[in-house]
């Protein structure tokens, strides 16, 4: 059973105009104590994705060797960039297909949005499961319906695997999400301003 950090930042390329801005953001998060980062890029440009992923991997060797990197969606790029693991959604490759590509040693996470999806994902070789969106989120163009805190509580009852809550989570509501049963909170927007300071505040709240 893997152990997740309480805070699981998502480095979403859509929020950064340059690769350097994205890298600076990731480095600030690492300085703020983050040990797990997910790289997300929905542009479909595999060349840019691989370039950014490799730059992040260099960052995770030095000056932030304590950071584990997770690739969103692309198992092939996860391997090419030598990331620690991958994460897939409901419309991506199946968890078992990703496992065959990435191998048994890499972490694998699966996004779910309702009890049925979570039950199904729980039967796979996924190392952790994500549930959401918990609250209203602006990071997706067409988000699934919110599950609210009750959805997190229900998800906790359905799996013993580590559970990540995602969607609209901020410093104001993160503690309630952990209290509802999540092991970790995935955050995008509430880390964008002053990422190091914001990460440190999250860790103080989630101790």
N, C-alpha and C. Protein backbone atom coordinates (compact mmCIF):
# COMPACT_ATOMS: atom_id res chain seq x y z
N UNK A 1 0.85 -1.19 0.00
CA UNK A 1 0.00 0.00 0.00
C UNK A 1 0.89 1.25 0.00
N UNK A 2 0.72 2.10 -1.00
CA UNK A 2 1.53 3.31 -1.07
C UNK A 2 1.01 4.34 -0.07
N UNK A 3 1.85 5.32 0.23
CA UNK A 3 1.46 6.40 1.13
C UNK A 3 1.56 7.71 0.38
N UNK A 4 0.44 8.44 0.30
CA UNK A 4 0.39 9.70 -0.42
C UNK A 4 0.62 10.87 0.51
N UNK A 5 1.24 11.90 -0.03
CA UNK A 5 1.32 13.18 0.67
C UNK A 5 -0.08 13.75 0.82
N UNK A 6 -0.31 14.48 1.91
CA UNK A 6 -1.61 15.12 2.11
C UNK A 6 -1.96 16.07 0.96
N UNK A 7 -0.95 16.72 0.41
CA UNK A 7 -1.16 17.67 -0.68
C UNK A 7 -0.59 17.08 -1.98
N UNK A 8 -1.43 17.07 -3.00
CA UNK A 8 -1.07 16.49 -4.30
C UNK A 8 -1.29 17.58 -5.36
N UNK A 9 -0.30 18.44 -5.58
CA UNK A 9 -0.47 19.52 -6.56
C UNK A 9 -0.49 18.99 -7.99
N UNK A 10 -1.30 19.63 -8.81
CA UNK A 10 -1.33 19.33 -10.24
C UNK A 10 -0.75 20.52 -10.99
N UNK A 11 0.29 20.25 -11.73
CA UNK A 11 0.95 21.28 -12.55
C UNK A 11 0.30 21.23 -13.92
N UNK A 12 -0.66 22.10 -14.13
CA UNK A 12 -1.47 22.10 -15.35
C UNK A 12 -0.88 23.08 -16.35
N UNK A 13 -0.40 22.56 -17.48
CA UNK A 13 0.32 23.39 -18.45
C UNK A 13 -0.53 24.53 -19.00
N UNK A 14 -1.85 24.37 -18.99
CA UNK A 14 -2.72 25.41 -19.54
C UNK A 14 -2.63 26.73 -18.79
N UNK A 15 -2.13 26.71 -17.55
CA UNK A 15 -2.05 27.92 -16.75
C UNK A 15 -0.73 28.67 -16.92
N UNK A 16 0.15 28.17 -17.80
CA UNK A 16 1.47 28.78 -17.93
C UNK A 16 1.77 29.09 -19.40
N UNK A 17 2.28 30.28 -19.64
CA UNK A 17 2.54 30.70 -21.02
C UNK A 17 3.84 30.14 -21.56
N UNK A 18 4.77 29.80 -20.68
CA UNK A 18 6.06 29.25 -21.12
C UNK A 18 6.44 28.06 -20.26
N UNK A 19 7.34 27.25 -20.80
CA UNK A 19 7.86 26.13 -20.03
C UNK A 19 8.62 26.62 -18.81
N UNK A 20 9.31 27.72 -18.93
CA UNK A 20 10.06 28.26 -17.80
C UNK A 20 9.14 28.66 -16.65
N UNK A 21 7.98 29.22 -16.99
CA UNK A 21 7.01 29.57 -15.95
C UNK A 21 6.50 28.31 -15.25
N UNK A 22 6.25 27.27 -16.02
CA UNK A 22 5.78 26.01 -15.46
C UNK A 22 6.83 25.42 -14.53
N UNK A 23 8.09 25.44 -14.96
CA UNK A 23 9.17 24.89 -14.14
C UNK A 23 9.38 25.70 -12.87
N UNK A 24 9.27 27.02 -12.99
CA UNK A 24 9.43 27.86 -11.81
C UNK A 24 8.34 27.57 -10.79
N UNK A 25 7.13 27.34 -11.27
CA UNK A 25 6.00 26.99 -10.40
C UNK A 25 6.28 25.67 -9.68
N UNK A 26 6.72 24.67 -10.43
CA UNK A 26 7.01 23.36 -9.84
C UNK A 26 8.13 23.46 -8.81
N UNK A 27 9.14 24.25 -9.10
CA UNK A 27 10.25 24.38 -8.15
C UNK A 27 9.81 25.08 -6.87
N UNK A 28 8.93 26.07 -6.99
CA UNK A 28 8.39 26.74 -5.81
C UNK A 28 7.59 25.76 -4.94
N UNK A 29 6.81 24.91 -5.59
CA UNK A 29 6.05 23.91 -4.85
C UNK A 29 6.99 22.96 -4.10
N UNK A 30 8.03 22.55 -4.77
CA UNK A 30 9.00 21.65 -4.13
C UNK A 30 9.66 22.33 -2.94
N UNK A 31 9.99 23.60 -3.09
CA UNK A 31 10.58 24.36 -1.99
C UNK A 31 9.60 24.48 -0.83
N UNK A 32 8.31 24.51 -1.15
CA UNK A 32 7.27 24.60 -0.12
C UNK A 32 6.96 23.29 0.56
N UNK A 33 7.67 22.22 0.19
CA UNK A 33 7.50 20.94 0.87
C UNK A 33 6.76 19.88 0.11
N UNK A 34 6.36 20.15 -1.13
CA UNK A 34 5.61 19.16 -1.91
C UNK A 34 6.52 18.02 -2.35
N UNK A 35 6.04 16.81 -2.21
CA UNK A 35 6.82 15.63 -2.57
C UNK A 35 6.18 14.83 -3.70
N UNK A 36 5.03 15.28 -4.17
CA UNK A 36 4.30 14.58 -5.23
C UNK A 36 3.67 15.62 -6.15
N UNK A 37 3.97 15.55 -7.44
CA UNK A 37 3.42 16.49 -8.41
C UNK A 37 2.89 15.72 -9.61
N UNK A 38 1.72 16.11 -10.07
CA UNK A 38 1.20 15.54 -11.31
C UNK A 38 1.33 16.57 -12.43
N UNK A 39 1.87 16.12 -13.54
CA UNK A 39 1.98 16.98 -14.73
C UNK A 39 0.80 16.69 -15.65
N UNK A 40 0.04 17.75 -15.97
CA UNK A 40 -1.12 17.61 -16.83
C UNK A 40 -1.01 18.57 -18.02
N UNK A 41 -1.19 18.05 -19.21
CA UNK A 41 -1.17 18.88 -20.41
C UNK A 41 -2.17 18.27 -21.39
N UNK A 42 -3.25 18.99 -21.65
CA UNK A 42 -4.32 18.50 -22.50
C UNK A 42 -4.23 19.04 -23.93
N UNK A 43 -3.10 19.66 -24.28
CA UNK A 43 -2.98 20.29 -25.60
C UNK A 43 -2.91 19.26 -26.73
N UNK A 44 -2.47 18.06 -26.42
CA UNK A 44 -2.32 17.05 -27.45
C UNK A 44 -1.00 17.12 -28.21
N UNK A 45 -0.15 18.10 -27.88
CA UNK A 45 1.14 18.23 -28.54
C UNK A 45 2.17 17.38 -27.79
N UNK A 46 2.42 16.18 -28.30
CA UNK A 46 3.29 15.24 -27.60
C UNK A 46 4.72 15.76 -27.49
N UNK A 47 5.17 16.51 -28.48
CA UNK A 47 6.53 17.04 -28.45
C UNK A 47 6.74 18.01 -27.30
N UNK A 48 5.79 18.94 -27.14
CA UNK A 48 5.87 19.90 -26.04
C UNK A 48 5.72 19.18 -24.70
N UNK A 49 4.80 18.24 -24.65
CA UNK A 49 4.59 17.49 -23.42
C UNK A 49 5.86 16.77 -22.98
N UNK A 50 6.52 16.12 -23.92
CA UNK A 50 7.74 15.38 -23.58
C UNK A 50 8.85 16.34 -23.17
N UNK A 51 8.94 17.47 -23.85
CA UNK A 51 9.97 18.46 -23.48
C UNK A 51 9.74 18.96 -22.05
N UNK A 52 8.50 19.34 -21.75
CA UNK A 52 8.20 19.83 -20.41
C UNK A 52 8.39 18.73 -19.36
N UNK A 53 7.98 17.53 -19.70
CA UNK A 53 8.11 16.41 -18.76
C UNK A 53 9.58 16.14 -18.45
N UNK A 54 10.42 16.18 -19.45
CA UNK A 54 11.85 15.93 -19.22
C UNK A 54 12.49 17.04 -18.40
N UNK A 55 12.03 18.27 -18.62
CA UNK A 55 12.53 19.37 -17.80
C UNK A 55 12.10 19.19 -16.34
N UNK A 56 10.87 18.76 -16.14
CA UNK A 56 10.41 18.49 -14.78
C UNK A 56 11.22 17.36 -14.16
N UNK A 57 11.54 16.36 -14.96
CA UNK A 57 12.32 15.23 -14.44
C UNK A 57 13.71 15.69 -14.02
N UNK A 58 14.30 16.60 -14.80
CA UNK A 58 15.61 17.14 -14.41
C UNK A 58 15.50 17.89 -13.08
N UNK A 59 14.40 18.62 -12.93
CA UNK A 59 14.16 19.34 -11.68
C UNK A 59 14.06 18.36 -10.51
N UNK A 60 13.42 17.21 -10.75
CA UNK A 60 13.22 16.24 -9.66
C UNK A 60 14.51 15.51 -9.31
N UNK A 61 15.53 15.61 -10.15
CA UNK A 61 16.84 15.04 -9.80
C UNK A 61 17.64 16.04 -8.98
N UNK A 62 17.59 17.29 -9.39
CA UNK A 62 18.24 18.39 -8.67
C UNK A 62 17.64 19.67 -9.21
N UNK A 63 17.17 20.56 -8.36
CA UNK A 63 17.40 20.63 -6.91
C UNK A 63 16.31 20.00 -6.04
N UNK A 64 15.41 19.21 -6.62
CA UNK A 64 14.29 18.68 -5.84
C UNK A 64 14.21 17.15 -5.95
N UNK A 65 15.22 16.44 -5.46
CA UNK A 65 15.23 14.98 -5.61
C UNK A 65 14.16 14.27 -4.79
N UNK A 66 13.50 15.00 -3.89
CA UNK A 66 12.47 14.38 -3.05
C UNK A 66 11.11 14.33 -3.74
N UNK A 67 10.99 14.89 -4.94
CA UNK A 67 9.69 15.00 -5.60
C UNK A 67 9.44 13.82 -6.54
N UNK A 68 8.27 13.18 -6.36
CA UNK A 68 7.82 12.12 -7.24
C UNK A 68 6.89 12.72 -8.29
N UNK A 69 7.13 12.41 -9.55
CA UNK A 69 6.36 12.98 -10.64
C UNK A 69 5.39 11.95 -11.22
N UNK A 70 4.16 12.40 -11.44
CA UNK A 70 3.11 11.56 -12.01
C UNK A 70 2.66 12.18 -13.33
N UNK A 71 2.58 11.35 -14.37
CA UNK A 71 2.14 11.81 -15.69
C UNK A 71 0.65 11.58 -15.86
N UNK A 72 -0.07 12.61 -16.24
CA UNK A 72 -1.50 12.47 -16.51
C UNK A 72 -1.71 11.93 -17.92
N UNK A 73 -2.51 10.90 -18.03
CA UNK A 73 -2.99 10.33 -19.30
C UNK A 73 -1.99 9.46 -20.07
N UNK A 74 -0.78 9.97 -20.30
CA UNK A 74 0.10 9.37 -21.30
C UNK A 74 1.11 8.40 -20.70
N UNK A 75 0.80 7.10 -20.80
CA UNK A 75 1.71 6.08 -20.28
C UNK A 75 3.02 6.06 -21.06
N UNK A 76 2.95 6.34 -22.37
CA UNK A 76 4.17 6.34 -23.18
C UNK A 76 5.12 7.45 -22.75
N UNK A 77 4.58 8.64 -22.48
CA UNK A 77 5.42 9.75 -22.05
C UNK A 77 5.90 9.57 -20.62
N UNK A 78 5.12 8.88 -19.82
CA UNK A 78 5.55 8.54 -18.47
C UNK A 78 6.84 7.74 -18.52
N UNK A 79 6.91 6.79 -19.43
CA UNK A 79 8.12 5.98 -19.59
C UNK A 79 9.25 6.80 -20.19
N UNK A 80 8.94 7.55 -21.25
CA UNK A 80 9.97 8.30 -21.95
C UNK A 80 10.64 9.33 -21.05
N UNK A 81 9.85 9.96 -20.16
CA UNK A 81 10.39 10.98 -19.27
C UNK A 81 10.86 10.42 -17.93
N UNK A 82 10.70 9.11 -17.76
CA UNK A 82 11.13 8.43 -16.53
C UNK A 82 10.42 8.99 -15.29
N UNK A 83 9.10 9.14 -15.41
CA UNK A 83 8.30 9.60 -14.27
C UNK A 83 8.09 8.46 -13.28
N UNK A 84 7.67 8.83 -12.09
CA UNK A 84 7.46 7.86 -11.01
C UNK A 84 6.18 7.05 -11.22
N UNK A 85 5.22 7.63 -11.95
CA UNK A 85 3.97 6.92 -12.18
C UNK A 85 3.06 7.66 -13.12
N UNK A 86 1.86 7.10 -13.31
CA UNK A 86 0.90 7.70 -14.22
C UNK A 86 -0.48 7.76 -13.60
N UNK A 87 -1.34 8.56 -14.23
CA UNK A 87 -2.71 8.73 -13.75
C UNK A 87 -3.62 8.78 -14.96
N UNK A 88 -4.72 8.01 -14.91
CA UNK A 88 -5.64 7.97 -16.05
C UNK A 88 -7.05 8.30 -15.61
N UNK A 89 -7.81 8.82 -16.56
CA UNK A 89 -9.21 9.14 -16.32
C UNK A 89 -10.11 8.07 -16.92
N UNK A 90 -11.39 8.34 -16.91
CA UNK A 90 -12.37 7.37 -17.38
C UNK A 90 -12.34 7.21 -18.90
N UNK A 91 -11.83 8.20 -19.61
CA UNK A 91 -11.82 8.14 -21.07
C UNK A 91 -10.44 7.85 -21.63
N UNK A 92 -9.50 7.51 -20.77
CA UNK A 92 -8.14 7.20 -21.21
C UNK A 92 -7.96 5.70 -21.34
N UNK A 93 -6.73 5.26 -21.53
CA UNK A 93 -6.44 3.83 -21.53
C UNK A 93 -6.91 3.19 -20.23
N UNK A 94 -7.29 1.94 -20.29
CA UNK A 94 -7.71 1.25 -19.07
C UNK A 94 -6.52 1.11 -18.12
N UNK A 95 -6.78 1.03 -16.82
CA UNK A 95 -5.68 0.85 -15.86
C UNK A 95 -4.80 -0.35 -16.19
N UNK A 96 -5.39 -1.45 -16.61
CA UNK A 96 -4.59 -2.64 -16.88
C UNK A 96 -3.74 -2.46 -18.14
N UNK A 97 -4.25 -1.70 -19.12
CA UNK A 97 -3.44 -1.41 -20.30
C UNK A 97 -2.24 -0.54 -19.93
N UNK A 98 -2.50 0.45 -19.08
CA UNK A 98 -1.40 1.30 -18.62
C UNK A 98 -0.39 0.49 -17.82
N UNK A 99 -0.89 -0.41 -17.00
CA UNK A 99 0.00 -1.24 -16.19
C UNK A 99 0.91 -2.10 -17.07
N UNK A 100 0.36 -2.61 -18.17
CA UNK A 100 1.17 -3.42 -19.07
C UNK A 100 2.27 -2.59 -19.72
N UNK A 101 1.96 -1.31 -19.97
CA UNK A 101 2.95 -0.43 -20.59
C UNK A 101 3.99 0.04 -19.58
N UNK A 102 3.53 0.48 -18.42
CA UNK A 102 4.44 1.13 -17.47
C UNK A 102 5.14 0.16 -16.53
N UNK A 103 4.58 -1.04 -16.38
CA UNK A 103 5.21 -2.03 -15.51
C UNK A 103 4.69 -1.97 -14.09
N UNK A 104 5.07 -2.96 -13.29
CA UNK A 104 4.51 -3.08 -11.93
C UNK A 104 5.10 -2.11 -10.92
N UNK A 105 6.25 -1.52 -11.24
CA UNK A 105 6.94 -0.73 -10.22
C UNK A 105 6.45 0.72 -10.16
N UNK A 106 5.83 1.19 -11.22
CA UNK A 106 5.37 2.59 -11.22
C UNK A 106 4.00 2.73 -10.57
N UNK A 107 3.79 3.86 -9.90
CA UNK A 107 2.49 4.15 -9.30
C UNK A 107 1.46 4.36 -10.41
N UNK A 108 0.22 3.99 -10.12
CA UNK A 108 -0.87 4.18 -11.06
C UNK A 108 -2.10 4.67 -10.31
N UNK A 109 -2.64 5.81 -10.74
CA UNK A 109 -3.85 6.35 -10.16
C UNK A 109 -4.97 6.38 -11.19
N UNK A 110 -6.21 6.31 -10.71
CA UNK A 110 -7.38 6.31 -11.59
C UNK A 110 -8.41 7.31 -11.07
N UNK A 111 -8.91 8.16 -11.96
CA UNK A 111 -9.96 9.12 -11.60
C UNK A 111 -11.32 8.45 -11.67
N UNK A 112 -12.17 8.73 -10.68
CA UNK A 112 -13.56 8.26 -10.69
C UNK A 112 -14.47 9.41 -10.29
N UNK A 113 -15.74 9.28 -10.68
CA UNK A 113 -16.69 10.38 -10.46
C UNK A 113 -17.98 9.94 -9.80
N UNK A 114 -18.10 8.66 -9.52
CA UNK A 114 -19.31 8.15 -8.86
C UNK A 114 -18.99 6.79 -8.25
N UNK A 115 -19.90 6.27 -7.41
CA UNK A 115 -19.61 5.00 -6.73
C UNK A 115 -19.37 3.83 -7.69
N UNK A 116 -20.10 3.79 -8.80
CA UNK A 116 -19.94 2.68 -9.73
C UNK A 116 -18.54 2.67 -10.33
N UNK A 117 -18.07 3.83 -10.76
CA UNK A 117 -16.72 3.91 -11.32
C UNK A 117 -15.67 3.57 -10.28
N UNK A 118 -15.89 4.02 -9.05
CA UNK A 118 -14.92 3.75 -8.00
C UNK A 118 -14.86 2.25 -7.67
N UNK A 119 -16.01 1.61 -7.62
CA UNK A 119 -16.03 0.16 -7.37
C UNK A 119 -15.24 -0.58 -8.45
N UNK A 120 -15.45 -0.18 -9.70
CA UNK A 120 -14.76 -0.84 -10.81
C UNK A 120 -13.26 -0.59 -10.74
N UNK A 121 -12.87 0.66 -10.48
CA UNK A 121 -11.45 0.99 -10.39
C UNK A 121 -10.78 0.28 -9.22
N UNK A 122 -11.55 0.06 -8.17
CA UNK A 122 -11.00 -0.60 -6.99
C UNK A 122 -10.57 -2.04 -7.28
N UNK A 123 -11.15 -2.63 -8.31
CA UNK A 123 -10.83 -4.01 -8.68
C UNK A 123 -9.60 -4.11 -9.58
N UNK A 124 -9.09 -2.98 -10.02
CA UNK A 124 -7.92 -2.96 -10.90
C UNK A 124 -6.64 -2.94 -10.07
N UNK A 125 -5.52 -2.89 -10.77
CA UNK A 125 -4.21 -2.84 -10.09
C UNK A 125 -3.80 -1.42 -9.72
N UNK A 126 -4.73 -0.47 -9.82
CA UNK A 126 -4.41 0.92 -9.45
C UNK A 126 -3.90 0.99 -8.02
N UNK A 127 -2.90 1.83 -7.80
CA UNK A 127 -2.34 2.01 -6.46
C UNK A 127 -3.15 2.99 -5.62
N UNK A 128 -3.80 3.94 -6.27
CA UNK A 128 -4.66 4.88 -5.56
C UNK A 128 -5.81 5.28 -6.46
N UNK A 129 -6.88 5.77 -5.86
CA UNK A 129 -8.06 6.19 -6.59
C UNK A 129 -8.35 7.65 -6.29
N UNK A 130 -8.87 8.35 -7.29
CA UNK A 130 -9.27 9.75 -7.10
C UNK A 130 -10.78 9.86 -7.25
N UNK A 131 -11.39 10.73 -6.45
CA UNK A 131 -12.82 10.96 -6.50
C UNK A 131 -13.08 12.46 -6.66
N UNK A 132 -14.00 12.81 -7.53
CA UNK A 132 -14.30 14.22 -7.71
C UNK A 132 -15.12 14.47 -8.98
N UNK A 133 -15.42 15.71 -9.28
CA UNK A 133 -15.05 16.88 -8.49
C UNK A 133 -15.84 16.97 -7.19
N UNK A 134 -15.14 17.29 -6.11
CA UNK A 134 -15.80 17.43 -4.83
C UNK A 134 -16.64 18.70 -4.81
N UNK A 135 -16.02 19.80 -5.23
CA UNK A 135 -16.72 21.07 -5.30
C UNK A 135 -16.66 21.59 -6.74
N UNK A 136 -17.35 22.68 -7.00
CA UNK A 136 -17.32 23.28 -8.33
C UNK A 136 -15.90 23.66 -8.70
N UNK A 137 -15.51 23.32 -9.93
CA UNK A 137 -14.14 23.58 -10.37
C UNK A 137 -14.14 24.32 -11.70
N UNK A 138 -13.12 25.13 -11.92
CA UNK A 138 -12.99 25.86 -13.18
C UNK A 138 -11.84 25.31 -14.02
N UNK A 139 -11.19 24.24 -13.56
CA UNK A 139 -10.01 23.73 -14.26
C UNK A 139 -10.37 22.79 -15.41
N UNK A 140 -11.66 22.41 -15.53
CA UNK A 140 -12.11 21.57 -16.63
C UNK A 140 -13.24 22.27 -17.37
N UNK A 141 -13.25 22.12 -18.71
CA UNK A 141 -14.28 22.78 -19.51
C UNK A 141 -15.66 22.14 -19.27
N UNK A 142 -15.71 20.82 -19.15
CA UNK A 142 -16.98 20.12 -18.95
C UNK A 142 -16.86 19.16 -17.78
N UNK A 143 -16.84 19.69 -16.56
CA UNK A 143 -16.64 18.81 -15.40
C UNK A 143 -17.84 17.92 -15.13
N UNK A 144 -17.59 16.79 -14.49
CA UNK A 144 -18.67 15.92 -14.03
C UNK A 144 -19.41 16.61 -12.89
N UNK A 145 -20.60 16.12 -12.54
CA UNK A 145 -21.34 16.69 -11.40
C UNK A 145 -20.52 16.56 -10.11
N UNK A 146 -20.65 17.56 -9.25
CA UNK A 146 -19.91 17.51 -7.98
C UNK A 146 -20.43 16.37 -7.11
N UNK A 147 -19.49 15.79 -6.34
CA UNK A 147 -19.88 14.70 -5.42
C UNK A 147 -20.04 15.20 -3.99
N UNK A 148 -19.52 16.37 -3.71
CA UNK A 148 -19.58 16.98 -2.37
C UNK A 148 -18.91 16.08 -1.33
N UNK A 149 -18.95 16.52 -0.09
CA UNK A 149 -18.27 15.77 0.98
C UNK A 149 -18.89 14.40 1.19
N UNK A 150 -20.20 14.29 0.95
CA UNK A 150 -20.86 12.99 1.10
C UNK A 150 -20.30 11.98 0.10
N UNK A 151 -19.95 12.46 -1.09
CA UNK A 151 -19.35 11.58 -2.09
C UNK A 151 -17.99 11.08 -1.65
N UNK A 152 -17.23 11.92 -0.96
CA UNK A 152 -15.95 11.50 -0.43
C UNK A 152 -16.15 10.44 0.66
N UNK A 153 -17.12 10.68 1.53
CA UNK A 153 -17.41 9.70 2.60
C UNK A 153 -17.82 8.35 2.00
N UNK A 154 -18.64 8.40 0.98
CA UNK A 154 -19.08 7.16 0.33
C UNK A 154 -17.89 6.45 -0.32
N UNK A 155 -17.05 7.21 -0.98
CA UNK A 155 -15.88 6.62 -1.63
C UNK A 155 -14.97 5.94 -0.61
N UNK A 156 -14.82 6.58 0.55
CA UNK A 156 -13.98 6.01 1.60
C UNK A 156 -14.51 4.65 2.06
N UNK A 157 -15.81 4.50 2.06
CA UNK A 157 -16.41 3.23 2.48
C UNK A 157 -16.22 2.13 1.44
N UNK A 158 -15.95 2.52 0.19
CA UNK A 158 -15.91 1.55 -0.90
C UNK A 158 -14.51 1.06 -1.24
N UNK A 159 -13.49 1.64 -0.64
CA UNK A 159 -12.13 1.22 -0.97
C UNK A 159 -11.20 1.37 0.22
N UNK A 160 -10.21 0.49 0.27
CA UNK A 160 -9.14 0.62 1.25
C UNK A 160 -7.90 1.25 0.62
N UNK A 161 -7.96 1.45 -0.69
CA UNK A 161 -6.82 2.06 -1.36
C UNK A 161 -6.73 3.54 -0.99
N UNK A 162 -5.53 4.12 -1.06
CA UNK A 162 -5.41 5.55 -0.81
C UNK A 162 -6.36 6.34 -1.71
N UNK A 163 -7.00 7.34 -1.12
CA UNK A 163 -8.04 8.10 -1.82
C UNK A 163 -7.65 9.56 -1.95
N UNK A 164 -7.66 10.04 -3.18
CA UNK A 164 -7.36 11.44 -3.48
C UNK A 164 -8.66 12.15 -3.84
N UNK A 165 -8.94 13.26 -3.20
CA UNK A 165 -10.10 14.08 -3.55
C UNK A 165 -9.63 15.23 -4.43
N UNK A 166 -10.43 15.55 -5.44
CA UNK A 166 -10.04 16.60 -6.39
C UNK A 166 -11.27 17.41 -6.78
N UNK A 167 -11.04 18.67 -7.12
CA UNK A 167 -12.11 19.50 -7.64
C UNK A 167 -12.52 20.61 -6.69
N UNK A 168 -12.08 21.82 -6.97
CA UNK A 168 -12.50 22.98 -6.19
C UNK A 168 -11.96 23.01 -4.77
N UNK A 169 -10.89 22.29 -4.51
CA UNK A 169 -10.36 22.23 -3.14
C UNK A 169 -9.41 23.39 -2.90
N UNK A 170 -9.62 24.08 -1.78
CA UNK A 170 -8.85 25.25 -1.42
C UNK A 170 -8.39 25.12 0.03
N UNK A 171 -7.60 26.10 0.46
CA UNK A 171 -7.19 26.11 1.86
C UNK A 171 -8.39 26.25 2.80
N UNK A 172 -9.46 26.85 2.30
CA UNK A 172 -10.64 27.07 3.14
C UNK A 172 -11.43 25.78 3.38
N UNK A 173 -11.36 24.82 2.45
CA UNK A 173 -12.19 23.62 2.62
C UNK A 173 -11.40 22.32 2.68
N UNK A 174 -10.08 22.38 2.55
CA UNK A 174 -9.26 21.17 2.47
C UNK A 174 -9.38 20.29 3.71
N UNK A 175 -9.41 20.90 4.89
CA UNK A 175 -9.48 20.11 6.13
C UNK A 175 -10.76 19.30 6.17
N UNK A 176 -11.87 19.87 5.71
CA UNK A 176 -13.15 19.15 5.72
C UNK A 176 -13.12 17.95 4.78
N UNK A 177 -12.35 18.05 3.71
CA UNK A 177 -12.24 16.95 2.75
C UNK A 177 -11.45 15.79 3.36
N UNK A 178 -10.38 16.12 4.07
CA UNK A 178 -9.60 15.09 4.76
C UNK A 178 -10.45 14.44 5.86
N UNK A 179 -11.20 15.25 6.57
CA UNK A 179 -12.07 14.72 7.63
C UNK A 179 -13.14 13.79 7.06
N UNK A 180 -13.55 14.02 5.82
CA UNK A 180 -14.56 13.19 5.17
C UNK A 180 -14.00 11.84 4.74
N UNK A 181 -12.67 11.69 4.76
CA UNK A 181 -12.09 10.39 4.46
C UNK A 181 -11.00 10.36 3.41
N UNK A 182 -10.72 11.48 2.76
CA UNK A 182 -9.65 11.50 1.76
C UNK A 182 -8.29 11.41 2.44
N UNK A 183 -7.36 10.73 1.80
CA UNK A 183 -5.99 10.67 2.28
C UNK A 183 -5.17 11.85 1.78
N UNK A 184 -5.60 12.41 0.65
CA UNK A 184 -4.83 13.47 0.00
C UNK A 184 -5.79 14.36 -0.77
N UNK A 185 -5.40 15.63 -0.97
CA UNK A 185 -6.20 16.55 -1.78
C UNK A 185 -5.38 17.01 -2.97
N UNK A 186 -5.97 16.88 -4.15
CA UNK A 186 -5.33 17.37 -5.37
C UNK A 186 -5.78 18.81 -5.60
N UNK A 187 -4.81 19.68 -5.86
CA UNK A 187 -5.11 21.11 -5.93
C UNK A 187 -4.44 21.70 -7.16
N UNK A 188 -5.17 22.58 -7.84
CA UNK A 188 -4.61 23.32 -8.98
C UNK A 188 -4.65 24.82 -8.69
N UNK A 189 -5.85 25.39 -8.74
CA UNK A 189 -6.00 26.85 -8.74
C UNK A 189 -5.48 27.53 -7.48
N UNK A 190 -5.70 26.93 -6.31
CA UNK A 190 -5.33 27.61 -5.06
C UNK A 190 -3.84 27.54 -4.76
N UNK A 191 -3.07 27.05 -5.71
CA UNK A 191 -1.61 27.07 -5.57
C UNK A 191 -0.94 28.03 -6.56
N UNK A 192 -1.72 28.61 -7.46
CA UNK A 192 -1.12 29.39 -8.55
C UNK A 192 -0.47 30.68 -8.06
N UNK A 193 -1.07 31.34 -7.08
CA UNK A 193 -0.48 32.56 -6.54
C UNK A 193 0.42 32.20 -5.36
N UNK A 194 1.64 32.67 -5.41
CA UNK A 194 2.62 32.40 -4.35
C UNK A 194 2.65 30.91 -4.00
N UNK A 195 3.06 30.08 -4.95
CA UNK A 195 2.97 28.63 -4.77
C UNK A 195 3.72 28.08 -3.55
N UNK A 196 4.89 28.60 -3.27
CA UNK A 196 5.63 28.10 -2.10
C UNK A 196 4.87 28.40 -0.81
N UNK A 197 4.46 29.65 -0.66
CA UNK A 197 3.73 30.06 0.54
C UNK A 197 2.40 29.32 0.63
N UNK A 198 1.70 29.17 -0.50
CA UNK A 198 0.41 28.49 -0.50
C UNK A 198 0.57 27.03 -0.10
N UNK A 199 1.59 26.35 -0.63
CA UNK A 199 1.84 24.95 -0.27
C UNK A 199 2.13 24.82 1.22
N UNK A 200 2.94 25.72 1.74
CA UNK A 200 3.26 25.67 3.17
C UNK A 200 2.01 25.84 4.02
N UNK A 201 1.10 26.71 3.58
CA UNK A 201 -0.14 26.91 4.32
C UNK A 201 -1.03 25.67 4.26
N UNK A 202 -1.08 25.03 3.10
CA UNK A 202 -1.83 23.78 2.98
C UNK A 202 -1.31 22.75 3.98
N UNK A 203 0.01 22.60 4.05
CA UNK A 203 0.59 21.60 4.94
C UNK A 203 0.29 21.92 6.41
N UNK A 204 0.29 23.20 6.76
CA UNK A 204 -0.06 23.57 8.13
C UNK A 204 -1.51 23.21 8.44
N UNK A 205 -2.39 23.44 7.47
CA UNK A 205 -3.81 23.14 7.65
C UNK A 205 -4.05 21.63 7.75
N UNK A 206 -3.29 20.86 6.98
CA UNK A 206 -3.57 19.43 6.83
C UNK A 206 -2.74 18.54 7.75
N UNK A 207 -1.99 19.12 8.67
CA UNK A 207 -1.20 18.31 9.61
C UNK A 207 -2.09 17.43 10.45
